[in-house]
C-alpha atoms as a PDB file:
ATOM      1  CA  UNK A   1      25.638 -30.065  11.925  1.00  0.00           C
ATOM      2  CA  UNK A   2      25.177 -26.524  13.410  1.00  0.00           C
ATOM      3  CA  UNK A   3      21.742 -24.953  13.462  1.00  0.00           C
ATOM      4  CA  UNK A   4      19.863 -21.965  14.800  1.00  0.00           C
ATOM      5  CA  UNK A   5      18.203 -22.436  18.211  1.00  0.00           C
ATOM      6  CA  UNK A   6      14.472 -21.899  18.361  1.00  0.00           C
ATOM      7  CA  UNK A   7      13.025 -18.821  20.050  1.00  0.00           C
ATOM      8  CA  UNK A   8      11.316 -19.428  23.412  1.00  0.00           C
ATOM      9  CA  UNK A   9       7.540 -19.072  23.466  1.00  0.00           C
ATOM     10  CA  UNK A  10       7.856 -16.103  25.845  1.00  0.00           C
ATOM     11  CA  UNK A  11      10.793 -13.664  25.853  1.00  0.00           C
ATOM     12  CA  UNK A  12      11.773 -10.885  28.246  1.00  0.00           C
ATOM     13  CA  UNK A  13      13.552  -8.363  25.982  1.00  0.00           C
ATOM     14  CA  UNK A  14      12.783  -6.843  22.588  1.00  0.00           C
ATOM     15  CA  UNK A  15      16.153  -8.032  21.289  1.00  0.00           C
ATOM     16  CA  UNK A  16      15.132 -11.628  22.051  1.00  0.00           C
ATOM     17  CA  UNK A  17      12.718 -11.277  19.123  1.00  0.00           C
ATOM     18  CA  UNK A  18      15.563 -10.929  16.623  1.00  0.00           C
ATOM     19  CA  UNK A  19      15.788 -13.673  14.009  1.00  0.00           C
ATOM     20  CA  UNK A  20      13.684 -16.621  12.853  1.00  0.00           C
ATOM     21  CA  UNK A  21      12.196 -14.411  10.151  1.00  0.00           C
ATOM     22  CA  UNK A  22       9.902 -16.070   7.576  1.00  0.00           C
ATOM     23  CA  UNK A  23      10.523 -17.138   3.994  1.00  0.00           C
ATOM     24  CA  UNK A  24       7.977 -16.221   1.330  1.00  0.00           C
ATOM     25  CA  UNK A  25       7.824 -17.988  -2.033  1.00  0.00           C
ATOM     26  CA  UNK A  26       7.275 -15.055  -4.379  1.00  0.00           C
ATOM     27  CA  UNK A  27       7.619 -16.710  -7.782  1.00  0.00           C
ATOM     28  CA  UNK A  28       8.311 -20.004  -9.551  1.00  0.00           C
ATOM     29  CA  UNK A  29       9.216 -21.170 -13.049  1.00  0.00           C
ATOM     30  CA  UNK A  30       7.763 -23.958 -15.166  1.00  0.00           C
ATOM     31  CA  UNK A  31      11.063 -25.825 -14.753  1.00  0.00           C
ATOM     32  CA  UNK A  32      10.841 -25.954 -10.962  1.00  0.00           C
ATOM     33  CA  UNK A  33      12.852 -22.863 -10.113  1.00  0.00           C
ATOM     34  CA  UNK A  34      11.692 -20.703  -7.253  1.00  0.00           C
ATOM     35  CA  UNK A  35      12.382 -17.294  -5.720  1.00  0.00           C
ATOM     36  CA  UNK A  36      12.138 -17.106  -1.935  1.00  0.00           C
ATOM     37  CA  UNK A  37      12.239 -13.859   0.014  1.00  0.00           C
ATOM     38  CA  UNK A  38      13.864 -13.854   3.455  1.00  0.00           C
ATOM     39  CA  UNK A  39      11.644 -11.242   5.091  1.00  0.00           C
ATOM     40  CA  UNK A  40      13.956  -9.513   7.531  1.00  0.00           C
ATOM     41  CA  UNK A  41      11.381  -6.782   8.187  1.00  0.00           C
ATOM     42  CA  UNK A  42       9.905  -9.172  10.748  1.00  0.00           C
ATOM     43  CA  UNK A  43      12.802  -8.334  13.066  1.00  0.00           C
ATOM     44  CA  UNK A  44      12.276  -5.595  15.666  1.00  0.00           C
ATOM     45  CA  UNK A  45      12.675  -2.167  13.973  1.00  0.00           C
ATOM     46  CA  UNK A  46      11.663  -3.780  10.667  1.00  0.00           C
ATOM     47  CA  UNK A  47      15.171  -4.478   9.383  1.00  0.00           C
ATOM     48  CA  UNK A  48      18.005  -7.006   9.322  1.00  0.00           C
ATOM     49  CA  UNK A  49      20.472  -4.502  10.733  1.00  0.00           C
ATOM     50  CA  UNK A  50      19.379  -5.000  14.306  1.00  0.00           C
ATOM     51  CA  UNK A  51      21.145  -8.364  14.054  1.00  0.00           C
ATOM     52  CA  UNK A  52      24.528  -6.741  13.649  1.00  0.00           C
ATOM     53  CA  UNK A  53      23.716  -3.856  16.009  1.00  0.00           C
ATOM     54  CA  UNK A  54      23.262  -6.361  18.824  1.00  0.00           C
ATOM     55  CA  UNK A  55      26.471  -8.182  17.895  1.00  0.00           C
ATOM     56  CA  UNK A  56      28.574  -5.001  17.742  1.00  0.00           C
ATOM     57  CA  UNK A  57      27.412  -3.964  21.215  1.00  0.00           C
ATOM     58  CA  UNK A  58      27.826  -7.449  22.694  1.00  0.00           C
ATOM     59  CA  UNK A  59      31.384  -7.718  21.370  1.00  0.00           C
ATOM     60  CA  UNK A  60      32.294  -4.237  22.625  1.00  0.00           C
ATOM     61  CA  UNK A  61      31.047  -5.287  26.070  1.00  0.00           C
ATOM     62  CA  UNK A  62      32.976  -8.562  25.954  1.00  0.00           C
ATOM     63  CA  UNK A  63      36.163  -6.667  25.012  1.00  0.00           C
ATOM     64  CA  UNK A  64      35.742  -4.264  27.922  1.00  0.00           C
ATOM     65  CA  UNK A  65      35.378  -1.234  25.657  1.00  0.00           C
ATOM     66  CA  UNK A  66      31.781  -0.595  26.726  1.00  0.00           C
ATOM     67  CA  UNK A  67      30.775  -0.647  30.372  1.00  0.00           C
ATOM     68  CA  UNK A  68      27.582   0.203  32.289  1.00  0.00           C
ATOM     69  CA  UNK A  69      26.499   3.794  31.672  1.00  0.00           C
ATOM     70  CA  UNK A  70      28.579   4.044  28.507  1.00  0.00           C
ATOM     71  CA  UNK A  71      27.928   5.785  25.207  1.00  0.00           C
ATOM     72  CA  UNK A  72      27.566   4.381  21.689  1.00  0.00           C
ATOM     73  CA  UNK A  73      28.243   6.562  18.646  1.00  0.00           C
ATOM     74  CA  UNK A  74      27.479   5.528  15.057  1.00  0.00           C
ATOM     75  CA  UNK A  75      27.213   7.102  11.626  1.00  0.00           C
ATOM     76  CA  UNK A  76      23.928   5.845  10.191  1.00  0.00           C
ATOM     77  CA  UNK A  77      21.358   6.388   7.488  1.00  0.00           C
ATOM     78  CA  UNK A  78      18.716   4.991   9.799  1.00  0.00           C
ATOM     79  CA  UNK A  79      18.325   1.232  10.084  1.00  0.00           C
ATOM     80  CA  UNK A  80      21.562   0.530  11.966  1.00  0.00           C
ATOM     81  CA  UNK A  81      20.721   3.457  14.185  1.00  0.00           C
ATOM     82  CA  UNK A  82      17.285   2.053  14.946  1.00  0.00           C
ATOM     83  CA  UNK A  83      18.863  -1.241  15.983  1.00  0.00           C
ATOM     84  CA  UNK A  84      21.495   0.420  18.145  1.00  0.00           C
ATOM     85  CA  UNK A  85      18.815   2.595  19.745  1.00  0.00           C
ATOM     86  CA  UNK A  86      16.902  -0.523  20.836  1.00  0.00           C
ATOM     87  CA  UNK A  87      20.004  -2.238  22.223  1.00  0.00           C
ATOM     88  CA  UNK A  88      21.154   0.945  23.991  1.00  0.00           C
ATOM     89  CA  UNK A  89      17.719   1.412  25.585  1.00  0.00           C
ATOM     90  CA  UNK A  90      17.686  -2.183  26.832  1.00  0.00           C
ATOM     91  CA  UNK A  91      21.176  -2.041  28.296  1.00  0.00           C
ATOM     92  CA  UNK A  92      21.204   1.468  29.712  1.00  0.00           C
ATOM     93  CA  UNK A  93      23.582   3.165  27.280  1.00  0.00           C
ATOM     94  CA  UNK A  94      23.412   6.588  25.676  1.00  0.00           C
ATOM     95  CA  UNK A  95      23.262   6.420  21.882  1.00  0.00           C
ATOM     96  CA  UNK A  96      24.294   9.226  19.535  1.00  0.00           C
ATOM     97  CA  UNK A  97      23.392   8.816  15.858  1.00  0.00           C
ATOM     98  CA  UNK A  98      25.335  10.940  13.390  1.00  0.00           C
ATOM     99  CA  UNK A  99      22.994  11.442  10.435  1.00  0.00           C
ATOM    100  CA  UNK A 100      22.463  13.442   7.259  1.00  0.00           C
ATOM    101  CA  UNK A 101      19.391  14.572   5.352  1.00  0.00           C
ATOM    102  CA  UNK A 102      19.328  11.494   3.103  1.00  0.00           C
ATOM    103  CA  UNK A 103      17.551   9.293   5.635  1.00  0.00           C
ATOM    104  CA  UNK A 104      13.840   8.677   5.372  1.00  0.00           C
ATOM    105  CA  UNK A 105      12.098  10.920   7.933  1.00  0.00           C
ATOM    106  CA  UNK A 106      10.446   7.963   9.663  1.00  0.00           C
ATOM    107  CA  UNK A 107      13.838   6.439  10.441  1.00  0.00           C
ATOM    108  CA  UNK A 108      15.011   9.661  12.045  1.00  0.00           C
ATOM    109  CA  UNK A 109      11.773  10.003  13.996  1.00  0.00           C
ATOM    110  CA  UNK A 110      12.036   6.362  15.070  1.00  0.00           C
ATOM    111  CA  UNK A 111      15.569   6.757  16.438  1.00  0.00           C
ATOM    112  CA  UNK A 112      14.543   9.847  18.366  1.00  0.00           C
ATOM    113  CA  UNK A 113      11.474   8.090  19.783  1.00  0.00           C
ATOM    114  CA  UNK A 114      13.738   5.290  21.024  1.00  0.00           C
ATOM    115  CA  UNK A 115      15.851   7.803  22.952  1.00  0.00           C
ATOM    116  CA  UNK A 116      18.704   8.433  20.521  1.00  0.00           C
ATOM    117  CA  UNK A 117      20.441  11.789  20.223  1.00  0.00           C
ATOM    118  CA  UNK A 118      20.574  12.897  16.554  1.00  0.00           C
ATOM    119  CA  UNK A 119      23.523  14.946  15.329  1.00  0.00           C
ATOM    120  CA  UNK A 120      23.271  16.214  11.735  1.00  0.00           C
ATOM    121  CA  UNK A 121      26.240  16.809   9.449  1.00  0.00           C
ATOM    122  CA  UNK A 122      23.978  18.522   6.883  1.00  0.00           C
ATOM    123  CA  UNK A 123      21.112  20.916   7.326  1.00  0.00           C
ATOM    124  CA  UNK A 124      17.961  19.085   8.382  1.00  0.00           C
ATOM    125  CA  UNK A 125      15.683  18.554   5.401  1.00  0.00           C
ATOM    126  CA  UNK A 126      18.282  19.085   2.656  1.00  0.00           C
ATOM    127  CA  UNK A 127      18.171  15.471   1.486  1.00  0.00           C
ATOM    128  CA  UNK A 128      21.961  15.419   1.061  1.00  0.00           C
ATOM    129  CA  UNK A 129      23.959  12.188   1.387  1.00  0.00           C
ATOM    130  CA  UNK A 130      27.152  12.800   3.349  1.00  0.00           C
ATOM    131  CA  UNK A 131      28.511   9.418   4.394  1.00  0.00           C
ATOM    132  CA  UNK A 132      32.176  10.472   4.593  1.00  0.00           C
ATOM    133  CA  UNK A 133      31.355  13.506   6.729  1.00  0.00           C
ATOM    134  CA  UNK A 134      29.204  11.378   9.023  1.00  0.00           C
ATOM    135  CA  UNK A 135      31.984   8.859   9.535  1.00  0.00           C
ATOM    136  CA  UNK A 136      34.542  11.556  10.270  1.00  0.00           C
ATOM    137  CA  UNK A 137      32.348  13.290  12.830  1.00  0.00           C
ATOM    138  CA  UNK A 138      31.349  10.049  14.577  1.00  0.00           C
ATOM    139  CA  UNK A 139      34.979   8.999  14.922  1.00  0.00           C
ATOM    140  CA  UNK A 140      35.926  12.430  16.250  1.00  0.00           C
ATOM    141  CA  UNK A 141      33.088  12.450  18.788  1.00  0.00           C
ATOM    142  CA  UNK A 142      34.200   9.124  20.276  1.00  0.00           C
ATOM    143  CA  UNK A 143      37.955   9.656  20.104  1.00  0.00           C
ATOM    144  CA  UNK A 144      39.578   9.855  23.521  1.00  0.00           C
ATOM    145  CA  UNK A 145      36.292   9.659  25.406  1.00  0.00           C
ATOM    146  CA  UNK A 146      36.118   7.221  28.294  1.00  0.00           C
ATOM    147  CA  UNK A 147      33.534   4.424  28.039  1.00  0.00           C
ATOM    148  CA  UNK A 148      32.500   5.619  24.580  1.00  0.00           C
ATOM    149  CA  UNK A 149      32.484   3.359  21.511  1.00  0.00           C
ATOM    150  CA  UNK A 150      32.247   4.288  17.846  1.00  0.00           C
ATOM    151  CA  UNK A 151      30.821   1.028  16.532  1.00  0.00           C
ATOM    152  CA  UNK A 152      31.998   1.886  12.967  1.00  0.00           C
ATOM    153  CA  UNK A 153      29.670  -0.498  11.163  1.00  0.00           C
ATOM    154  CA  UNK A 154      31.475  -0.335   7.800  1.00  0.00           C
ATOM    155  CA  UNK A 155      34.719  -1.743   9.212  1.00  0.00           C
ATOM    156  CA  UNK A 156      33.600  -3.666  12.295  1.00  0.00           C
ATOM    157  CA  UNK A 157      34.038  -7.460  11.971  1.00  0.00           C
ATOM    158  CA  UNK A 158      31.159  -7.915  14.429  1.00  0.00           C
ATOM    159  CA  UNK A 159      28.842  -6.624  11.706  1.00  0.00           C
ATOM    160  CA  UNK A 160      29.432  -9.717   9.585  1.00  0.00           C
ATOM    161  CA  UNK A 161      29.386 -12.043  12.600  1.00  0.00           C
ATOM    162  CA  UNK A 162      25.922 -10.751  13.431  1.00  0.00           C
ATOM    163  CA  UNK A 163      24.545 -12.550  10.371  1.00  0.00           C
ATOM    164  CA  UNK A 164      25.854 -16.011  11.254  1.00  0.00           C
ATOM    165  CA  UNK A 165      22.454 -16.985  12.714  1.00  0.00           C
ATOM    166  CA  UNK A 166      20.779 -15.815   9.502  1.00  0.00           C
ATOM    167  CA  UNK A 167      22.884 -18.273   7.496  1.00  0.00           C
ATOM    168  CA  UNK A 168      21.844 -21.142   9.747  1.00  0.00           C
ATOM    169  CA  UNK A 169      18.196 -20.114   9.636  1.00  0.00           C
ATOM    170  CA  UNK A 170      18.306 -20.415   5.836  1.00  0.00           C
ATOM    171  CA  UNK A 171      20.189 -23.706   5.796  1.00  0.00           C
ATOM    172  CA  UNK A 172      17.911 -25.250   8.416  1.00  0.00           C
ATOM    173  CA  UNK A 173      14.651 -24.047   6.876  1.00  0.00           C
ATOM    174  CA  UNK A 174      15.548 -25.211   3.372  1.00  0.00           C
ATOM    175  CA  UNK A 175      17.460 -28.356   4.296  1.00  0.00           C
ATOM    176  CA  UNK A 176      20.500 -26.738   2.623  1.00  0.00           C
ATOM    177  CA  UNK A 177      18.658 -26.594  -0.724  1.00  0.00           C
ATOM    178  CA  UNK A 178      19.909 -23.128  -1.726  1.00  0.00           C
ATOM    179  CA  UNK A 179      21.622 -22.423  -5.023  1.00  0.00           C
ATOM    180  CA  UNK A 180      21.704 -18.617  -5.294  1.00  0.00           C
ATOM    181  CA  UNK A 181      21.786 -15.935  -2.609  1.00  0.00           C
ATOM    182  CA  UNK A 182      21.119 -12.361  -3.748  1.00  0.00           C
ATOM    183  CA  UNK A 183      21.215  -9.257  -1.594  1.00  0.00           C
ATOM    184  CA  UNK A 184      22.088  -5.599  -1.313  1.00  0.00           C
ATOM    185  CA  UNK A 185      25.666  -4.451  -0.745  1.00  0.00           C
ATOM    186  CA  UNK A 186      26.060  -1.522   1.628  1.00  0.00           C
ATOM    187  CA  UNK A 187      28.405  -2.221   4.516  1.00  0.00           C
ATOM    188  CA  UNK A 188      28.759  -5.745   3.109  1.00  0.00           C
ATOM    189  CA  UNK A 189      27.953  -7.265   6.476  1.00  0.00           C
ATOM    190  CA  UNK A 190      24.630  -8.891   5.625  1.00  0.00           C
ATOM    191  CA  UNK A 191      25.472 -10.410   2.256  1.00  0.00           C
ATOM    192  CA  UNK A 192      29.105 -11.315   2.900  1.00  0.00           C
ATOM    193  CA  UNK A 193      28.558 -12.369   6.519  1.00  0.00           C
ATOM    194  CA  UNK A 194      25.694 -14.634   5.522  1.00  0.00           C
ATOM    195  CA  UNK A 195      27.566 -16.031   2.523  1.00  0.00           C
ATOM    196  CA  UNK A 196      30.718 -16.824   4.472  1.00  0.00           C
ATOM    197  CA  UNK A 197      28.855 -18.878   7.047  1.00  0.00           C
ATOM    198  CA  UNK A 198      26.340 -20.400   4.637  1.00  0.00           C
ATOM    199  CA  UNK A 199      29.083 -21.771   2.384  1.00  0.00           C
ATOM    200  CA  UNK A 200      30.296 -23.911   5.255  1.00  0.00           C
ATOM    201  CA  UNK A 201      27.093 -25.883   4.773  1.00  0.00           C
ATOM    202  CA  UNK A 202      26.329 -25.107   1.110  1.00  0.00           C
ATOM    203  CA  UNK A 203      29.686 -24.915  -0.711  1.00  0.00           C
ATOM    204  CA  UNK A 204      28.038 -24.687  -4.153  1.00  0.00           C
ATOM    205  CA  UNK A 205      26.283 -21.409  -3.266  1.00  0.00           C
ATOM    206  CA  UNK A 206      26.418 -18.587  -5.829  1.00  0.00           C
ATOM    207  CA  UNK A 207      26.196 -15.075  -4.389  1.00  0.00           C
ATOM    208  CA  UNK A 208      25.020 -11.995  -6.291  1.00  0.00           C
ATOM    209  CA  UNK A 209      25.496  -8.509  -4.861  1.00  0.00           C
ATOM    210  CA  UNK A 210      23.222  -5.614  -5.807  1.00  0.00           C
ATOM    211  CA  UNK A 211      23.997  -1.920  -5.434  1.00  0.00           C
ATOM    212  CA  UNK A 212      22.287   1.228  -6.746  1.00  0.00           C
ATOM    213  CA  UNK A 213      23.389   2.838  -9.978  1.00  0.00           C
ATOM    214  CA  UNK A 214      25.662   5.639  -8.823  1.00  0.00           C
ATOM    215  CA  UNK A 215      27.273   3.516  -6.106  1.00  0.00           C
ATOM    216  CA  UNK A 216      30.961   2.687  -6.583  1.00  0.00           C
ATOM    217  CA  UNK A 217      31.607  -0.747  -5.024  1.00  0.00           C
ATOM    218  CA  UNK A 218      31.331  -2.526  -8.391  1.00  0.00           C
ATOM    219  CA  UNK A 219      32.891   0.290 -10.425  1.00  0.00           C
ATOM    220  CA  UNK A 220      31.227   2.634 -12.865  1.00  0.00           C
ATOM    221  CA  UNK A 221      30.490   6.356 -12.602  1.00  0.00           C
ATOM    222  CA  UNK A 222      29.417   7.797  -9.273  1.00  0.00           C
ATOM    223  CA  UNK A 223      26.311   9.954  -8.963  1.00  0.00           C
ATOM    224  CA  UNK A 224      23.520  10.640  -6.500  1.00  0.00           C
ATOM    225  CA  UNK A 225      20.924   7.966  -5.813  1.00  0.00           C
ATOM    226  CA  UNK A 226      17.867   7.726  -3.583  1.00  0.00           C
ATOM    227  CA  UNK A 227      18.016   4.121  -2.326  1.00  0.00           C
ATOM    228  CA  UNK A 228      18.890   4.768   1.301  1.00  0.00           C
ATOM    229  CA  UNK A 229      21.065   2.667   3.552  1.00  0.00           C
ATOM    230  CA  UNK A 230      22.876   0.842   0.769  1.00  0.00           C
ATOM    231  CA  UNK A 231      25.714   1.220  -1.693  1.00  0.00           C
ATOM    232  CA  UNK A 232      28.953   3.201  -1.528  1.00  0.00           C
ATOM    233  CA  UNK A 233      28.336   6.838  -2.488  1.00  0.00           C
ATOM    234  CA  UNK A 234      30.897   9.120  -4.075  1.00  0.00           C
ATOM    235  CA  UNK A 235      33.582  10.134  -1.593  1.00  0.00           C
ATOM    236  CA  UNK A 236      33.000   7.181   0.747  1.00  0.00           C
ATOM    237  CA  UNK A 237      35.457   4.325   1.127  1.00  0.00           C
ATOM    238  CA  UNK A 238      34.367   0.778   0.380  1.00  0.00           C
ATOM    239  CA  UNK A 239      34.068  -0.855   3.786  1.00  0.00           C
ATOM    240  CA  UNK A 240      36.332  -3.644   4.924  1.00  0.00           C
ATOM    241  CA  UNK A 241      33.365  -6.019   5.158  1.00  0.00           C
ATOM    242  CA  UNK A 242      32.742  -5.953   1.395  1.00  0.00           C
ATOM    243  CA  UNK A 243      34.621  -9.148   0.513  1.00  0.00           C
ATOM    244  CA  UNK A 244      34.706  -9.382  -3.271  1.00  0.00           C
ATOM    245  CA  UNK A 245      36.024 -12.959  -3.038  1.00  0.00           C
ATOM    246  CA  UNK A 246      32.622 -13.962  -1.637  1.00  0.00           C
ATOM    247  CA  UNK A 247      30.564 -12.166  -4.308  1.00  0.00           C
ATOM    248  CA  UNK A 248      30.370 -14.082  -7.581  1.00  0.00           C
ATOM    249  CA  UNK A 249      28.717 -11.234  -9.458  1.00  0.00           C
ATOM    250  CA  UNK A 250      28.018  -7.592  -8.704  1.00  0.00           C
ATOM    251  CA  UNK A 251      25.162  -5.779 -10.449  1.00  0.00           C
ATOM    252  CA  UNK A 252      23.521  -2.347 -10.337  1.00  0.00           C
ATOM    253  CA  UNK A 253      19.849  -1.399 -10.277  1.00  0.00           C
ATOM    254  CA  UNK A 254      18.560   2.122 -10.821  1.00  0.00           C
ATOM    255  CA  UNK A 255      16.204   3.956  -8.496  1.00  0.00           C
ATOM    256  CA  UNK A 256      13.367   3.855 -11.031  1.00  0.00           C
ATOM    257  CA  UNK A 257      13.451   0.058 -11.298  1.00  0.00           C
ATOM    258  CA  UNK A 258      14.000  -0.479  -7.563  1.00  0.00           C
ATOM    259  CA  UNK A 259      11.134   1.769  -6.523  1.00  0.00           C
ATOM    260  CA  UNK A 260       8.794   0.529  -9.250  1.00  0.00           C
ATOM    261  CA  UNK A 261       9.337  -2.986  -7.883  1.00  0.00           C
ATOM    262  CA  UNK A 262       8.434  -1.834  -4.368  1.00  0.00           C
ATOM    263  CA  UNK A 263       5.263  -0.227  -5.661  1.00  0.00           C
ATOM    264  CA  UNK A 264       4.276  -3.222  -7.782  1.00  0.00           C
ATOM    265  CA  UNK A 265       4.810  -5.607  -4.862  1.00  0.00           C
ATOM    266  CA  UNK A 266       2.753  -3.368  -2.597  1.00  0.00           C
ATOM    267  CA  UNK A 267      -0.236  -4.096  -4.805  1.00  0.00           C
ATOM    268  CA  UNK A 268       0.199  -7.793  -4.001  1.00  0.00           C
ATOM    269  CA  UNK A 269       0.086  -7.009  -0.270  1.00  0.00           C
ATOM    270  CA  UNK A 270       3.845  -6.889   0.407  1.00  0.00           C
ATOM    271  CA  UNK A 271       5.619  -3.689   1.518  1.00  0.00           C
ATOM    272  CA  UNK A 272       9.402  -3.662   1.139  1.00  0.00           C
ATOM    273  CA  UNK A 273      12.034  -0.932   1.326  1.00  0.00           C
ATOM    274  CA  UNK A 274      13.747   0.826  -1.562  1.00  0.00           C
ATOM    275  CA  UNK A 275      17.045  -1.073  -1.661  1.00  0.00           C
ATOM    276  CA  UNK A 276      15.149  -4.342  -1.200  1.00  0.00           C
ATOM    277  CA  UNK A 277      13.202  -3.349  -4.306  1.00  0.00           C
ATOM    278  CA  UNK A 278      16.466  -3.335  -6.238  1.00  0.00           C
ATOM    279  CA  UNK A 279      17.307  -6.825  -4.993  1.00  0.00           C
ATOM    280  CA  UNK A 280      13.884  -8.235  -5.861  1.00  0.00           C
ATOM    281  CA  UNK A 281      13.914  -6.552  -9.289  1.00  0.00           C
ATOM    282  CA  UNK A 282      17.198  -8.238 -10.139  1.00  0.00           C
ATOM    283  CA  UNK A 283      15.985 -11.578  -8.756  1.00  0.00           C
ATOM    284  CA  UNK A 284      12.716 -11.518 -10.706  1.00  0.00           C
ATOM    285  CA  UNK A 285      14.394 -10.686 -14.009  1.00  0.00           C
ATOM    286  CA  UNK A 286      16.999 -13.433 -13.531  1.00  0.00           C
ATOM    287  CA  UNK A 287      14.726 -16.200 -12.321  1.00  0.00           C
ATOM    288  CA  UNK A 288      13.344 -17.327 -15.740  1.00  0.00           C
ATOM    289  CA  UNK A 289      16.874 -17.845 -17.091  1.00  0.00           C
ATOM    290  CA  UNK A 290      18.173 -19.978 -14.250  1.00  0.00           C
ATOM    291  CA  UNK A 291      18.676 -23.767 -14.580  1.00  0.00           C
ATOM    292  CA  UNK A 292      15.752 -26.050 -13.699  1.00  0.00           C
ATOM    293  CA  UNK A 293      14.968 -26.544  -9.992  1.00  0.00           C
ATOM    294  CA  UNK A 294      17.151 -23.634  -8.906  1.00  0.00           C
ATOM    295  CA  UNK A 295      16.328 -22.161  -5.510  1.00  0.00           C
ATOM    296  CA  UNK A 296      17.158 -18.471  -5.275  1.00  0.00           C
ATOM    297  CA  UNK A 297      16.896 -16.656  -1.946  1.00  0.00           C
ATOM    298  CA  UNK A 298      16.673 -12.861  -1.880  1.00  0.00           C
ATOM    299  CA  UNK A 299      17.538 -11.049   1.335  1.00  0.00           C
ATOM    300  CA  UNK A 300      14.801  -8.473   1.923  1.00  0.00           C
ATOM    301  CA  UNK A 301      16.557  -6.493   4.601  1.00  0.00           C
ATOM    302  CA  UNK A 302      13.994  -3.741   5.097  1.00  0.00           C
ATOM    303  CA  UNK A 303      10.236  -3.281   5.181  1.00  0.00           C
ATOM    304  CA  UNK A 304       8.378  -0.565   3.309  1.00  0.00           C
ATOM    305  CA  UNK A 305       6.524   1.103   6.161  1.00  0.00           C
ATOM    306  CA  UNK A 306       9.321   3.670   6.622  1.00  0.00           C
ATOM    307  CA  UNK A 307       8.997   4.917   3.041  1.00  0.00           C
ATOM    308  CA  UNK A 308       5.469   6.313   2.916  1.00  0.00           C
ATOM    309  CA  UNK A 309       6.884   9.840   2.492  1.00  0.00           C
ATOM    310  CA  UNK A 310       9.246   8.787  -0.292  1.00  0.00           C
ATOM    311  CA  UNK A 311       8.953   5.611  -2.383  1.00  0.00           C
ATOM    312  CA  UNK A 312       5.184   5.356  -1.911  1.00  0.00           C
ATOM    313  CA  UNK A 313       4.536   9.095  -2.257  1.00  0.00           C
ATOM    314  CA  UNK A 314       3.640  10.029  -5.849  1.00  0.00           C
ATOM    315  CA  UNK A 315       4.530  13.692  -5.354  1.00  0.00           C
ATOM    316  CA  UNK A 316       7.982  12.878  -3.937  1.00  0.00           C
ATOM    317  CA  UNK A 317       8.627  10.384  -6.732  1.00  0.00           C
ATOM    318  CA  UNK A 318       7.419  12.744  -9.453  1.00  0.00           C
ATOM    319  CA  UNK A 319       9.522  15.645  -8.170  1.00  0.00           C
ATOM    320  CA  UNK A 320      12.646  13.497  -8.607  1.00  0.00           C
ATOM    321  CA  UNK A 321      11.600  12.068 -11.975  1.00  0.00           C
ATOM    322  CA  UNK A 322      11.365   8.572 -10.500  1.00  0.00           C
ATOM    323  CA  UNK A 323       7.715   7.781 -11.087  1.00  0.00           C
ATOM    324  CA  UNK A 324       7.309   5.252 -13.920  1.00  0.00           C
ATOM    325  CA  UNK A 325       3.912   3.570 -14.284  1.00  0.00           C
ATOM    326  CA  UNK A 326       5.257   1.766 -17.348  1.00  0.00           C
ATOM    327  CA  UNK A 327       8.039   0.121 -15.347  1.00  0.00           C
ATOM    328  CA  UNK A 328       5.602  -0.808 -12.593  1.00  0.00           C
ATOM    329  CA  UNK A 329       3.325  -2.430 -15.182  1.00  0.00           C
ATOM    330  CA  UNK A 330       6.222  -4.424 -16.652  1.00  0.00           C
ATOM    331  CA  UNK A 331       7.099  -5.760 -13.214  1.00  0.00           C
ATOM    332  CA  UNK A 332       3.485  -6.601 -12.466  1.00  0.00           C
ATOM    333  CA  UNK A 333       3.242  -8.548 -15.733  1.00  0.00           C
ATOM    334  CA  UNK A 334       6.464 -10.463 -15.021  1.00  0.00           C
ATOM    335  CA  UNK A 335       5.341 -11.240 -11.510  1.00  0.00           C
ATOM    336  CA  UNK A 336       1.899 -12.400 -12.697  1.00  0.00           C
ATOM    337  CA  UNK A 337       3.530 -14.699 -15.233  1.00  0.00           C
ATOM    338  CA  UNK A 338       5.891 -16.215 -12.670  1.00  0.00           C
ATOM    339  CA  UNK A 339       3.239 -16.533  -9.981  1.00  0.00           C
ATOM    340  CA  UNK A 340       0.959 -18.182 -12.543  1.00  0.00           C
ATOM    341  CA  UNK A 341       3.422 -21.055 -12.953  1.00  0.00           C
ATOM    342  CA  UNK A 342       2.948 -22.163  -9.334  1.00  0.00           C
END
């Protein structure tokens, strides 16, 4: 049966540190159910997306589309760009990140620190989300240029392939005892790529996709939202990697609930990102109603350290009418009840 190879005790590149991220048991039920968090913030750059960044570059090299001294171009809200910046720095490529003002400032600063060139499609500091414009500009910048690749994360099959090791890490660590997988749906690569491979070993797996309210992948009205790096905003096409045949149920979580969950978890010692807050909120509220001895795994694809200026900033939250101490208290009470059953 396939498995994920163990990491050597000593590695020679930052990208060799990708994977083998830990599982944290966050909550249990009196009937033996449990919620486990796959903490992908323990990857370099603090996010799962470096997994697929490495795969997209490796496949472009293998196909002869990217050669020494080449250039990588990507439209990114931050985390994919951070991953590509690391891989480009290791392999001697130039990386251009096409961004908008919706990204958390720390992500933009991180990409720049890693040597990336930032090209804005909106005025710096406006806070506007402009996914469609980003994609159009990135494609145009790479078109016809020698030794230049637009990695096009939303439609690149290598994105999903990059999460094959993640599926095996879960199956190996839990001896295939996984009933429910829940995760955010942005490009679709992480959740659908993991599900596709994991079902080869766990055919009974149920998969739940989570997107922000205002995102359009699961229908409903489109409107602005503040969970960065996830969802399908108004005007953007649903990426080819979002495979609805692999998602048993699609749900939406609002910014207030997602961010309140991040803030409540921070007071237990765990910092997670905004979209991960939406995933954990949905997982916590569902856990008590699941059948006995159900194991639910939530993909926590992002850490919270990049969100000190936003999710964990009272002034920023208050200015956007997102601060809700009442919701935070409700989540704390639910978490205390579930943690008390352990």
